[in-house]
Amino acid sequence: MYTHPFWVALGAHFFLNNDRLNTSKIFGLLLAFCGVVAVFQARSEALHPLHLVGDFMAILAAIFWAATTLYVKHIVGKVKLDYVQTLFAQLFNSIPVLAVGSVLFELPAKLDLTPLVMASLFYQSVIVAFVTYLVWFWLIGRHVVSRLAAFTSMAPIFGVILGGVLLKEPLTFFVWLGLVCVAGGVYMVNKSP
């Protein structure tokens, strides 16, 4: 999923004005990717033999996420859409897709609305799907999209580190090496050429 910055940078180079690849961006993206690989270097031995299918699907999702990011950047620049309009257009248009997916893949489903389920639903709906996307679309409208996308490489690093702190999972040398590489890569992508 975190190949997203590469697809954004590559697409921006060809489809957006004033967002070209340069040596610093390429080096920074490669360094950040090496950092993400370092963090995920240990694969579980219990992986299903078809785990590569899931990996391929995650790469496709990253490509579609990048295409959406580039499209939003392109449209916001031409039509002068507000970031709130952009968010609600995305959410509104996802309703039929999610409804069909729910019917096809989740029925019959037992619904048990425990406090944990309600808190999780609140977090996913309000924090993730509303607040963070609102901020994301606002940032897309104001910044060079390839530089902005590089920051998404930090998400898995923070996830692993928080897992170590909150869940007492081991924080190995590769986790810290990954953090340094990703931070260095984000810096290289965002520094002035």
N, C-alpha and C. Protein backbone atom coordinates (compact mmCIF):
# COMPACT_ATOMS: atom_id res chain seq x y z
N MET A 1 0.83 -1.19 0.00
CA MET A 1 0.00 0.00 0.00
C MET A 1 0.87 1.25 0.00
N TYR A 2 2.02 1.15 0.64
CA TYR A 2 2.87 2.34 0.76
C TYR A 2 3.84 2.51 -0.40
N THR A 3 3.49 1.91 -1.55
CA THR A 3 4.15 2.28 -2.80
C THR A 3 3.45 3.50 -3.40
N HIS A 4 2.39 3.95 -2.75
CA HIS A 4 1.61 5.12 -3.18
C HIS A 4 2.48 6.32 -3.56
N PRO A 5 3.48 6.72 -2.74
CA PRO A 5 4.27 7.91 -3.12
C PRO A 5 4.99 7.76 -4.46
N PHE A 6 5.40 6.52 -4.79
CA PHE A 6 6.09 6.31 -6.07
C PHE A 6 5.14 6.49 -7.24
N TRP A 7 3.95 5.95 -7.11
CA TRP A 7 2.97 6.10 -8.19
C TRP A 7 2.55 7.55 -8.34
N VAL A 8 2.40 8.26 -7.22
CA VAL A 8 2.04 9.69 -7.28
C VAL A 8 3.15 10.47 -7.98
N ALA A 9 4.40 10.25 -7.55
CA ALA A 9 5.52 11.00 -8.14
C ALA A 9 5.65 10.70 -9.63
N LEU A 10 5.50 9.43 -10.00
CA LEU A 10 5.60 9.06 -11.41
C LEU A 10 4.46 9.67 -12.21
N GLY A 11 3.24 9.56 -11.71
CA GLY A 11 2.09 10.15 -12.40
C GLY A 11 2.17 11.66 -12.47
N ALA A 12 2.59 12.29 -11.38
CA ALA A 12 2.69 13.75 -11.35
C ALA A 12 3.70 14.24 -12.38
N HIS A 13 4.77 13.49 -12.56
CA HIS A 13 5.80 13.87 -13.53
C HIS A 13 5.20 13.97 -14.94
N PHE A 14 4.29 13.07 -15.25
CA PHE A 14 3.72 13.03 -16.60
C PHE A 14 2.41 13.80 -16.76
N PHE A 15 1.64 13.96 -15.66
CA PHE A 15 0.29 14.50 -15.81
C PHE A 15 0.05 15.85 -15.13
N LEU A 16 0.96 16.30 -14.29
CA LEU A 16 0.76 17.58 -13.61
C LEU A 16 1.88 18.54 -13.97
N ASN A 17 1.52 19.80 -14.13
CA ASN A 17 2.53 20.82 -14.38
C ASN A 17 3.27 21.14 -13.08
N ASN A 18 4.52 21.49 -13.18
CA ASN A 18 5.33 21.94 -12.04
C ASN A 18 5.48 20.88 -10.95
N ASP A 19 5.49 19.62 -11.32
CA ASP A 19 5.70 18.56 -10.33
C ASP A 19 6.51 17.45 -11.00
N ARG A 20 7.73 17.78 -11.34
CA ARG A 20 8.59 16.86 -12.08
C ARG A 20 9.53 16.10 -11.15
N LEU A 21 9.90 14.92 -11.60
CA LEU A 21 10.91 14.16 -10.88
C LEU A 21 12.26 14.82 -11.07
N ASN A 22 13.07 14.79 -10.03
CA ASN A 22 14.45 15.23 -10.13
C ASN A 22 15.29 14.24 -9.33
N THR A 23 16.59 14.41 -9.34
CA THR A 23 17.48 13.47 -8.67
C THR A 23 17.18 13.37 -7.18
N SER A 24 16.94 14.48 -6.54
CA SER A 24 16.66 14.50 -5.11
C SER A 24 15.37 13.73 -4.79
N LYS A 25 14.33 13.95 -5.58
CA LYS A 25 13.05 13.25 -5.36
C LYS A 25 13.22 11.75 -5.56
N ILE A 26 13.90 11.36 -6.63
CA ILE A 26 14.08 9.94 -6.92
C ILE A 26 14.87 9.28 -5.79
N PHE A 27 15.97 9.90 -5.38
CA PHE A 27 16.77 9.34 -4.29
C PHE A 27 15.96 9.28 -3.00
N GLY A 28 15.21 10.32 -2.70
CA GLY A 28 14.40 10.35 -1.49
C GLY A 28 13.33 9.28 -1.48
N LEU A 29 12.65 9.09 -2.62
CA LEU A 29 11.62 8.05 -2.71
C LEU A 29 12.22 6.66 -2.55
N LEU A 30 13.37 6.44 -3.17
CA LEU A 30 14.04 5.14 -3.02
C LEU A 30 14.49 4.90 -1.58
N LEU A 31 15.01 5.94 -0.94
CA LEU A 31 15.44 5.82 0.45
C LEU A 31 14.25 5.53 1.36
N ALA A 32 13.14 6.23 1.16
CA ALA A 32 11.94 5.99 1.96
C ALA A 32 11.41 4.58 1.73
N PHE A 33 11.43 4.12 0.49
CA PHE A 33 10.97 2.77 0.20
C PHE A 33 11.86 1.73 0.89
N CYS A 34 13.15 1.95 0.87
CA CYS A 34 14.07 1.04 1.57
C CYS A 34 13.75 1.01 3.07
N GLY A 35 13.37 2.15 3.61
CA GLY A 35 12.99 2.20 5.02
C GLY A 35 11.75 1.39 5.31
N VAL A 36 10.75 1.49 4.43
CA VAL A 36 9.52 0.70 4.62
C VAL A 36 9.84 -0.78 4.48
N VAL A 37 10.69 -1.15 3.52
CA VAL A 37 11.09 -2.55 3.35
C VAL A 37 11.83 -3.04 4.59
N ALA A 38 12.68 -2.20 5.17
CA ALA A 38 13.41 -2.58 6.38
C ALA A 38 12.46 -2.88 7.53
N VAL A 39 11.43 -2.07 7.67
CA VAL A 39 10.46 -2.29 8.76
C VAL A 39 9.71 -3.59 8.56
N PHE A 40 9.35 -3.90 7.32
CA PHE A 40 8.58 -5.10 7.04
C PHE A 40 9.45 -6.29 6.61
N GLN A 41 10.73 -6.24 6.89
CA GLN A 41 11.65 -7.29 6.43
C GLN A 41 11.35 -8.65 7.02
N ALA A 42 10.76 -8.72 8.18
CA ALA A 42 10.48 -10.01 8.81
C ALA A 42 9.06 -10.45 8.46
N ARG A 43 8.96 -11.48 7.64
CA ARG A 43 7.65 -12.03 7.29
C ARG A 43 7.36 -13.23 8.18
N SER A 44 6.13 -13.37 8.52
CA SER A 44 5.70 -14.49 9.35
C SER A 44 5.84 -15.79 8.57
N GLU A 45 6.24 -16.84 9.26
CA GLU A 45 6.35 -18.15 8.61
C GLU A 45 4.97 -18.77 8.40
N ALA A 46 3.97 -18.19 9.03
CA ALA A 46 2.61 -18.73 8.94
C ALA A 46 1.83 -18.12 7.77
N LEU A 47 2.51 -17.46 6.86
CA LEU A 47 1.81 -16.85 5.72
C LEU A 47 1.19 -17.93 4.83
N HIS A 48 0.01 -17.63 4.35
CA HIS A 48 -0.67 -18.51 3.41
C HIS A 48 0.14 -18.54 2.11
N PRO A 49 0.17 -19.68 1.41
CA PRO A 49 0.93 -19.75 0.16
C PRO A 49 0.50 -18.71 -0.89
N LEU A 50 -0.74 -18.25 -0.80
CA LEU A 50 -1.23 -17.27 -1.77
C LEU A 50 -1.10 -15.83 -1.27
N HIS A 51 -0.21 -15.59 -0.30
CA HIS A 51 -0.08 -14.23 0.24
C HIS A 51 0.33 -13.23 -0.83
N LEU A 52 1.00 -13.68 -1.87
CA LEU A 52 1.41 -12.75 -2.93
C LEU A 52 0.20 -12.17 -3.67
N VAL A 53 -0.92 -12.89 -3.69
CA VAL A 53 -2.14 -12.36 -4.29
C VAL A 53 -2.58 -11.12 -3.50
N GLY A 54 -2.55 -11.22 -2.17
CA GLY A 54 -2.89 -10.08 -1.33
C GLY A 54 -1.92 -8.93 -1.53
N ASP A 55 -0.62 -9.25 -1.66
CA ASP A 55 0.37 -8.21 -1.91
C ASP A 55 0.10 -7.50 -3.23
N PHE A 56 -0.24 -8.27 -4.26
CA PHE A 56 -0.55 -7.69 -5.56
C PHE A 56 -1.79 -6.80 -5.47
N MET A 57 -2.80 -7.23 -4.72
CA MET A 57 -4.00 -6.42 -4.55
C MET A 57 -3.68 -5.12 -3.81
N ALA A 58 -2.78 -5.18 -2.84
CA ALA A 58 -2.38 -3.97 -2.12
C ALA A 58 -1.64 -3.01 -3.05
N ILE A 59 -0.82 -3.53 -3.94
CA ILE A 59 -0.13 -2.67 -4.92
C ILE A 59 -1.15 -2.03 -5.86
N LEU A 60 -2.14 -2.80 -6.30
CA LEU A 60 -3.20 -2.22 -7.13
C LEU A 60 -3.95 -1.12 -6.38
N ALA A 61 -4.23 -1.35 -5.10
CA ALA A 61 -4.90 -0.34 -4.29
C ALA A 61 -4.06 0.92 -4.21
N ALA A 62 -2.75 0.77 -4.07
CA ALA A 62 -1.86 1.94 -4.02
C ALA A 62 -1.87 2.70 -5.34
N ILE A 63 -1.92 1.97 -6.44
CA ILE A 63 -1.99 2.62 -7.77
C ILE A 63 -3.30 3.40 -7.90
N PHE A 64 -4.41 2.80 -7.48
CA PHE A 64 -5.69 3.50 -7.56
C PHE A 64 -5.74 4.69 -6.60
N TRP A 65 -5.13 4.55 -5.43
CA TRP A 65 -5.04 5.67 -4.48
C TRP A 65 -4.24 6.81 -5.11
N ALA A 66 -3.14 6.47 -5.76
CA ALA A 66 -2.32 7.48 -6.43
C ALA A 66 -3.09 8.14 -7.56
N ALA A 67 -3.83 7.35 -8.34
CA ALA A 67 -4.63 7.91 -9.43
C ALA A 67 -5.67 8.87 -8.89
N THR A 68 -6.29 8.51 -7.78
CA THR A 68 -7.27 9.40 -7.15
C THR A 68 -6.61 10.68 -6.68
N THR A 69 -5.44 10.56 -6.06
CA THR A 69 -4.71 11.73 -5.59
C THR A 69 -4.38 12.67 -6.75
N LEU A 70 -3.88 12.11 -7.84
CA LEU A 70 -3.54 12.92 -9.02
C LEU A 70 -4.78 13.55 -9.65
N TYR A 71 -5.86 12.78 -9.71
CA TYR A 71 -7.10 13.30 -10.27
C TYR A 71 -7.64 14.46 -9.44
N VAL A 72 -7.64 14.28 -8.12
CA VAL A 72 -8.12 15.34 -7.24
C VAL A 72 -7.24 16.58 -7.39
N LYS A 73 -5.93 16.41 -7.44
CA LYS A 73 -5.04 17.56 -7.62
C LYS A 73 -5.33 18.26 -8.94
N HIS A 74 -5.54 17.50 -9.99
CA HIS A 74 -5.82 18.07 -11.31
C HIS A 74 -7.16 18.82 -11.31
N ILE A 75 -8.20 18.21 -10.77
CA ILE A 75 -9.53 18.81 -10.76
C ILE A 75 -9.59 20.02 -9.85
N VAL A 76 -9.00 19.92 -8.66
CA VAL A 76 -9.02 21.05 -7.72
C VAL A 76 -8.38 22.27 -8.37
N GLY A 77 -7.31 22.05 -9.13
CA GLY A 77 -6.64 23.16 -9.80
C GLY A 77 -7.46 23.78 -10.92
N LYS A 78 -8.22 22.97 -11.64
CA LYS A 78 -8.97 23.47 -12.79
C LYS A 78 -10.34 24.01 -12.42
N VAL A 79 -11.05 23.31 -11.56
CA VAL A 79 -12.44 23.65 -11.27
C VAL A 79 -12.56 24.52 -10.02
N LYS A 80 -11.52 24.61 -9.26
CA LYS A 80 -11.51 25.37 -8.00
C LYS A 80 -12.50 24.77 -7.00
N LEU A 81 -12.43 23.45 -6.85
CA LEU A 81 -13.27 22.77 -5.87
C LEU A 81 -12.75 23.03 -4.46
N ASP A 82 -13.66 23.16 -3.56
CA ASP A 82 -13.33 23.28 -2.15
C ASP A 82 -13.01 21.88 -1.62
N TYR A 83 -12.13 21.78 -0.64
CA TYR A 83 -11.76 20.48 -0.09
C TYR A 83 -12.95 19.77 0.57
N VAL A 84 -13.90 20.51 1.10
CA VAL A 84 -15.10 19.91 1.68
C VAL A 84 -15.95 19.28 0.57
N GLN A 85 -16.09 19.97 -0.55
CA GLN A 85 -16.82 19.41 -1.69
C GLN A 85 -16.13 18.14 -2.20
N THR A 86 -14.82 18.18 -2.25
CA THR A 86 -14.06 17.02 -2.71
C THR A 86 -14.31 15.82 -1.81
N LEU A 87 -14.26 16.04 -0.51
CA LEU A 87 -14.49 14.95 0.45
C LEU A 87 -15.88 14.36 0.28
N PHE A 88 -16.91 15.21 0.24
CA PHE A 88 -18.26 14.69 0.17
C PHE A 88 -18.56 14.05 -1.18
N ALA A 89 -17.94 14.51 -2.25
CA ALA A 89 -18.10 13.84 -3.54
C ALA A 89 -17.55 12.42 -3.47
N GLN A 90 -16.37 12.27 -2.84
CA GLN A 90 -15.77 10.94 -2.70
C GLN A 90 -16.64 10.04 -1.83
N LEU A 91 -17.07 10.57 -0.69
CA LEU A 91 -17.89 9.76 0.22
C LEU A 91 -19.22 9.39 -0.41
N PHE A 92 -19.87 10.34 -1.06
CA PHE A 92 -21.17 10.10 -1.68
C PHE A 92 -21.06 9.04 -2.78
N ASN A 93 -20.02 9.16 -3.62
CA ASN A 93 -19.85 8.22 -4.73
C ASN A 93 -19.42 6.83 -4.26
N SER A 94 -18.90 6.72 -3.06
CA SER A 94 -18.50 5.41 -2.56
C SER A 94 -19.68 4.62 -1.99
N ILE A 95 -20.79 5.28 -1.68
CA ILE A 95 -21.94 4.60 -1.06
C ILE A 95 -22.44 3.43 -1.91
N PRO A 96 -22.72 3.59 -3.21
CA PRO A 96 -23.23 2.43 -3.96
C PRO A 96 -22.20 1.29 -4.07
N VAL A 97 -20.93 1.64 -4.22
CA VAL A 97 -19.90 0.61 -4.34
C VAL A 97 -19.80 -0.19 -3.04
N LEU A 98 -19.78 0.51 -1.91
CA LEU A 98 -19.69 -0.16 -0.62
C LEU A 98 -20.96 -0.95 -0.31
N ALA A 99 -22.12 -0.44 -0.72
CA ALA A 99 -23.37 -1.16 -0.48
C ALA A 99 -23.39 -2.48 -1.26
N VAL A 100 -23.00 -2.45 -2.52
CA VAL A 100 -22.95 -3.67 -3.33
C VAL A 100 -21.92 -4.65 -2.74
N GLY A 101 -20.75 -4.14 -2.36
CA GLY A 101 -19.73 -4.99 -1.75
C GLY A 101 -20.21 -5.63 -0.47
N SER A 102 -20.94 -4.89 0.32
CA SER A 102 -21.48 -5.42 1.57
C SER A 102 -22.47 -6.54 1.31
N VAL A 103 -23.35 -6.34 0.34
CA VAL A 103 -24.34 -7.37 0.01
C VAL A 103 -23.65 -8.62 -0.53
N LEU A 104 -22.66 -8.43 -1.40
CA LEU A 104 -21.99 -9.58 -2.02
C LEU A 104 -21.09 -10.35 -1.06
N PHE A 105 -20.40 -9.66 -0.18
CA PHE A 105 -19.35 -10.31 0.60
C PHE A 105 -19.64 -10.45 2.10
N GLU A 106 -20.64 -9.76 2.61
CA GLU A 106 -20.84 -9.77 4.05
C GLU A 106 -22.16 -10.37 4.52
N LEU A 107 -23.09 -10.59 3.63
CA LEU A 107 -24.38 -11.12 4.05
C LEU A 107 -24.35 -12.64 4.07
N PRO A 108 -25.00 -13.32 4.94
CA PRO A 108 -25.71 -12.78 6.10
C PRO A 108 -24.71 -12.45 7.21
N ALA A 109 -24.93 -11.34 7.84
CA ALA A 109 -24.03 -10.88 8.89
C ALA A 109 -24.77 -10.72 10.20
N LYS A 110 -24.12 -11.12 11.26
CA LYS A 110 -24.69 -10.93 12.59
C LYS A 110 -24.20 -9.57 13.09
N LEU A 111 -25.10 -8.72 13.52
CA LEU A 111 -24.75 -7.38 13.97
C LEU A 111 -24.81 -7.33 15.49
N ASP A 112 -23.66 -7.12 16.10
CA ASP A 112 -23.58 -7.07 17.56
C ASP A 112 -22.95 -5.72 17.94
N LEU A 113 -23.78 -4.74 18.23
CA LEU A 113 -23.30 -3.38 18.48
C LEU A 113 -22.84 -3.19 19.93
N THR A 114 -21.70 -3.75 20.23
CA THR A 114 -21.10 -3.59 21.55
C THR A 114 -20.46 -2.21 21.64
N PRO A 115 -20.11 -1.74 22.84
CA PRO A 115 -19.42 -0.45 22.95
C PRO A 115 -18.13 -0.40 22.15
N LEU A 116 -17.38 -1.50 22.09
CA LEU A 116 -16.15 -1.53 21.29
C LEU A 116 -16.45 -1.36 19.81
N VAL A 117 -17.50 -2.03 19.32
CA VAL A 117 -17.89 -1.91 17.92
C VAL A 117 -18.32 -0.47 17.62
N MET A 118 -19.10 0.12 18.50
CA MET A 118 -19.56 1.50 18.30
C MET A 118 -18.39 2.49 18.32
N ALA A 119 -17.45 2.28 19.24
CA ALA A 119 -16.26 3.15 19.30
C ALA A 119 -15.43 2.99 18.04
N SER A 120 -15.29 1.77 17.56
CA SER A 120 -14.54 1.53 16.32
C SER A 120 -15.23 2.17 15.12
N LEU A 121 -16.54 2.06 15.07
CA LEU A 121 -17.30 2.68 13.99
C LEU A 121 -17.17 4.20 14.02
N PHE A 122 -17.24 4.77 15.22
CA PHE A 122 -17.05 6.21 15.38
C PHE A 122 -15.66 6.63 14.89
N TYR A 123 -14.64 5.89 15.32
CA TYR A 123 -13.26 6.21 14.93
C TYR A 123 -13.10 6.14 13.41
N GLN A 124 -13.57 5.05 12.78
CA GLN A 124 -13.44 4.90 11.34
C GLN A 124 -14.24 5.95 10.56
N SER A 125 -15.44 6.26 11.05
CA SER A 125 -16.31 7.20 10.33
C SER A 125 -15.89 8.65 10.52
N VAL A 126 -15.68 9.04 11.76
CA VAL A 126 -15.44 10.45 12.05
C VAL A 126 -13.96 10.81 11.90
N ILE A 127 -13.09 10.05 12.54
CA ILE A 127 -11.67 10.40 12.53
C ILE A 127 -11.03 10.06 11.18
N VAL A 128 -11.18 8.81 10.74
CA VAL A 128 -10.51 8.37 9.51
C VAL A 128 -11.19 8.91 8.26
N ALA A 129 -12.47 8.62 8.08
CA ALA A 129 -13.14 8.96 6.82
C ALA A 129 -13.54 10.41 6.72
N PHE A 130 -13.61 11.13 7.83
CA PHE A 130 -14.01 12.53 7.76
C PHE A 130 -12.83 13.46 8.03
N VAL A 131 -12.28 13.45 9.21
CA VAL A 131 -11.26 14.43 9.59
C VAL A 131 -9.97 14.27 8.79
N THR A 132 -9.42 13.05 8.74
CA THR A 132 -8.13 12.89 8.05
C THR A 132 -8.25 13.12 6.55
N TYR A 133 -9.35 12.67 5.94
CA TYR A 133 -9.51 12.92 4.51
C TYR A 133 -9.78 14.40 4.22
N LEU A 134 -10.46 15.06 5.11
CA LEU A 134 -10.68 16.50 4.95
C LEU A 134 -9.34 17.23 4.95
N VAL A 135 -8.48 16.87 5.88
CA VAL A 135 -7.14 17.47 5.94
C VAL A 135 -6.33 17.08 4.69
N TRP A 136 -6.41 15.81 4.28
CA TRP A 136 -5.68 15.34 3.09
C TRP A 136 -6.07 16.14 1.85
N PHE A 137 -7.37 16.31 1.62
CA PHE A 137 -7.81 17.05 0.44
C PHE A 137 -7.44 18.53 0.53
N TRP A 138 -7.46 19.08 1.71
CA TRP A 138 -7.03 20.47 1.90
C TRP A 138 -5.55 20.60 1.55
N LEU A 139 -4.74 19.63 2.00
CA LEU A 139 -3.31 19.66 1.70
C LEU A 139 -3.03 19.47 0.21
N ILE A 140 -3.78 18.57 -0.43
CA ILE A 140 -3.60 18.34 -1.87
C ILE A 140 -3.83 19.63 -2.64
N GLY A 141 -4.79 20.42 -2.23
CA GLY A 141 -5.09 21.66 -2.92
C GLY A 141 -4.03 22.74 -2.73
N ARG A 142 -3.17 22.60 -1.75
CA ARG A 142 -2.22 23.66 -1.42
C ARG A 142 -0.74 23.32 -1.59
N HIS A 143 -0.43 22.05 -1.84
CA HIS A 143 0.98 21.65 -1.88
C HIS A 143 1.27 20.83 -3.13
N VAL A 144 2.55 20.72 -3.45
CA VAL A 144 3.00 19.86 -4.54
C VAL A 144 2.71 18.43 -4.13
N VAL A 145 1.93 17.74 -4.93
CA VAL A 145 1.36 16.45 -4.52
C VAL A 145 2.43 15.36 -4.36
N SER A 146 3.48 15.36 -5.15
CA SER A 146 4.51 14.32 -4.99
C SER A 146 5.27 14.50 -3.68
N ARG A 147 5.48 15.74 -3.28
CA ARG A 147 6.14 15.99 -1.99
C ARG A 147 5.23 15.62 -0.83
N LEU A 148 3.96 15.92 -0.96
CA LEU A 148 2.99 15.60 0.08
C LEU A 148 2.85 14.09 0.25
N ALA A 149 2.75 13.36 -0.85
CA ALA A 149 2.55 11.92 -0.80
C ALA A 149 3.72 11.21 -0.11
N ALA A 150 4.91 11.77 -0.18
CA ALA A 150 6.07 11.13 0.45
C ALA A 150 5.85 10.94 1.95
N PHE A 151 5.07 11.82 2.57
CA PHE A 151 4.82 11.71 4.00
C PHE A 151 3.99 10.47 4.36
N THR A 152 3.26 9.92 3.40
CA THR A 152 2.48 8.71 3.71
C THR A 152 3.38 7.53 4.02
N SER A 153 4.64 7.60 3.65
CA SER A 153 5.59 6.54 4.00
C SER A 153 5.80 6.43 5.50
N MET A 154 5.47 7.49 6.23
CA MET A 154 5.65 7.47 7.68
C MET A 154 4.61 6.61 8.40
N ALA A 155 3.45 6.39 7.78
CA ALA A 155 2.36 5.67 8.46
C ALA A 155 2.75 4.28 8.95
N PRO A 156 3.34 3.42 8.11
CA PRO A 156 3.67 2.09 8.63
C PRO A 156 4.76 2.14 9.71
N ILE A 157 5.64 3.12 9.62
CA ILE A 157 6.70 3.24 10.63
C ILE A 157 6.06 3.55 11.98
N PHE A 158 5.17 4.55 12.00
CA PHE A 158 4.51 4.90 13.26
C PHE A 158 3.66 3.74 13.77
N GLY A 159 3.02 3.01 12.86
CA GLY A 159 2.22 1.86 13.27
C GLY A 159 3.05 0.80 13.97
N VAL A 160 4.21 0.51 13.41
CA VAL A 160 5.07 -0.51 14.02
C VAL A 160 5.64 -0.01 15.34
N ILE A 161 6.05 1.25 15.39
CA ILE A 161 6.59 1.79 16.64
C ILE A 161 5.52 1.84 17.72
N LEU A 162 4.31 2.28 17.37
CA LEU A 162 3.22 2.28 18.35
C LEU A 162 2.88 0.86 18.81
N GLY A 163 2.97 -0.10 17.88
CA GLY A 163 2.77 -1.49 18.26
C GLY A 163 3.80 -1.94 19.27
N GLY A 164 5.03 -1.46 19.10
CA GLY A 164 6.08 -1.80 20.06
C GLY A 164 5.85 -1.16 21.41
N VAL A 165 5.43 0.10 21.39
CA VAL A 165 5.23 0.82 22.65
C VAL A 165 3.96 0.36 23.37
N LEU A 166 2.85 0.28 22.65
CA LEU A 166 1.57 -0.05 23.27
C LEU A 166 1.35 -1.55 23.48
N LEU A 167 1.83 -2.34 22.54
CA LEU A 167 1.58 -3.78 22.60
C LEU A 167 2.82 -4.58 23.01
N LYS A 168 3.88 -3.87 23.35
CA LYS A 168 5.12 -4.50 23.79
C LYS A 168 5.72 -5.44 22.74
N GLU A 169 5.53 -5.11 21.47
CA GLU A 169 6.15 -5.88 20.40
C GLU A 169 7.60 -5.44 20.27
N PRO A 170 8.48 -6.32 19.81
CA PRO A 170 9.91 -5.95 19.74
C PRO A 170 10.16 -4.85 18.71
N LEU A 171 10.95 -3.87 19.12
CA LEU A 171 11.38 -2.80 18.21
C LEU A 171 12.83 -3.11 17.83
N THR A 172 12.97 -3.75 16.69
CA THR A 172 14.28 -4.24 16.26
C THR A 172 15.11 -3.13 15.63
N PHE A 173 16.34 -3.47 15.36
CA PHE A 173 17.25 -2.56 14.67
C PHE A 173 16.65 -2.11 13.34
N PHE A 174 15.98 -3.03 12.63
CA PHE A 174 15.41 -2.70 11.33
C PHE A 174 14.28 -1.68 11.43
N VAL A 175 13.55 -1.67 12.53
CA VAL A 175 12.50 -0.67 12.72
C VAL A 175 13.13 0.72 12.80
N TRP A 176 14.17 0.84 13.60
CA TRP A 176 14.83 2.14 13.75
C TRP A 176 15.56 2.54 12.47
N LEU A 177 16.16 1.56 11.79
CA LEU A 177 16.80 1.85 10.50
C LEU A 177 15.75 2.33 9.50
N GLY A 178 14.60 1.67 9.50
CA GLY A 178 13.51 2.08 8.62
C GLY A 178 13.04 3.50 8.90
N LEU A 179 12.93 3.84 10.18
CA LEU A 179 12.51 5.19 10.56
C LEU A 179 13.50 6.23 10.03
N VAL A 180 14.78 5.95 10.20
CA VAL A 180 15.81 6.89 9.72
C VAL A 180 15.76 7.01 8.21
N CYS A 181 15.62 5.88 7.50
CA CYS A 181 15.56 5.92 6.04
C CYS A 181 14.33 6.67 5.53
N VAL A 182 13.18 6.40 6.12
CA VAL A 182 11.95 7.07 5.68
C VAL A 182 12.04 8.56 5.96
N ALA A 183 12.50 8.93 7.16
CA ALA A 183 12.63 10.36 7.48
C ALA A 183 13.61 11.04 6.54
N GLY A 184 14.72 10.38 6.26
CA GLY A 184 15.70 10.93 5.29
C GLY A 184 15.11 11.05 3.91
N GLY A 185 14.33 10.03 3.50
CA GLY A 185 13.70 10.06 2.18
C GLY A 185 12.68 11.18 2.06
N VAL A 186 11.86 11.36 3.08
CA VAL A 186 10.88 12.45 3.06
C VAL A 186 11.60 13.79 2.98
N TYR A 187 12.70 13.94 3.72
CA TYR A 187 13.48 15.17 3.66
C TYR A 187 14.01 15.40 2.23
N MET A 188 14.58 14.35 1.64
CA MET A 188 15.16 14.49 0.29
C MET A 188 14.09 14.86 -0.75
N VAL A 189 12.91 14.27 -0.63
CA VAL A 189 11.83 14.57 -1.58
C VAL A 189 11.39 16.02 -1.43
N ASN A 190 11.37 16.53 -0.22
CA ASN A 190 10.83 17.86 0.05
C ASN A 190 11.85 18.97 0.04
N LYS A 191 13.13 18.66 -0.04
CA LYS A 191 14.11 19.75 -0.05
C LYS A 191 14.10 20.43 -1.42
N SER A 192 14.48 21.65 -1.42
CA SER A 192 14.50 22.41 -2.68
C SER A 192 15.56 21.86 -3.60
N PRO A 193 15.26 21.73 -4.90
CA PRO A 193 16.27 21.21 -5.83
C PRO A 193 17.43 22.17 -6.01
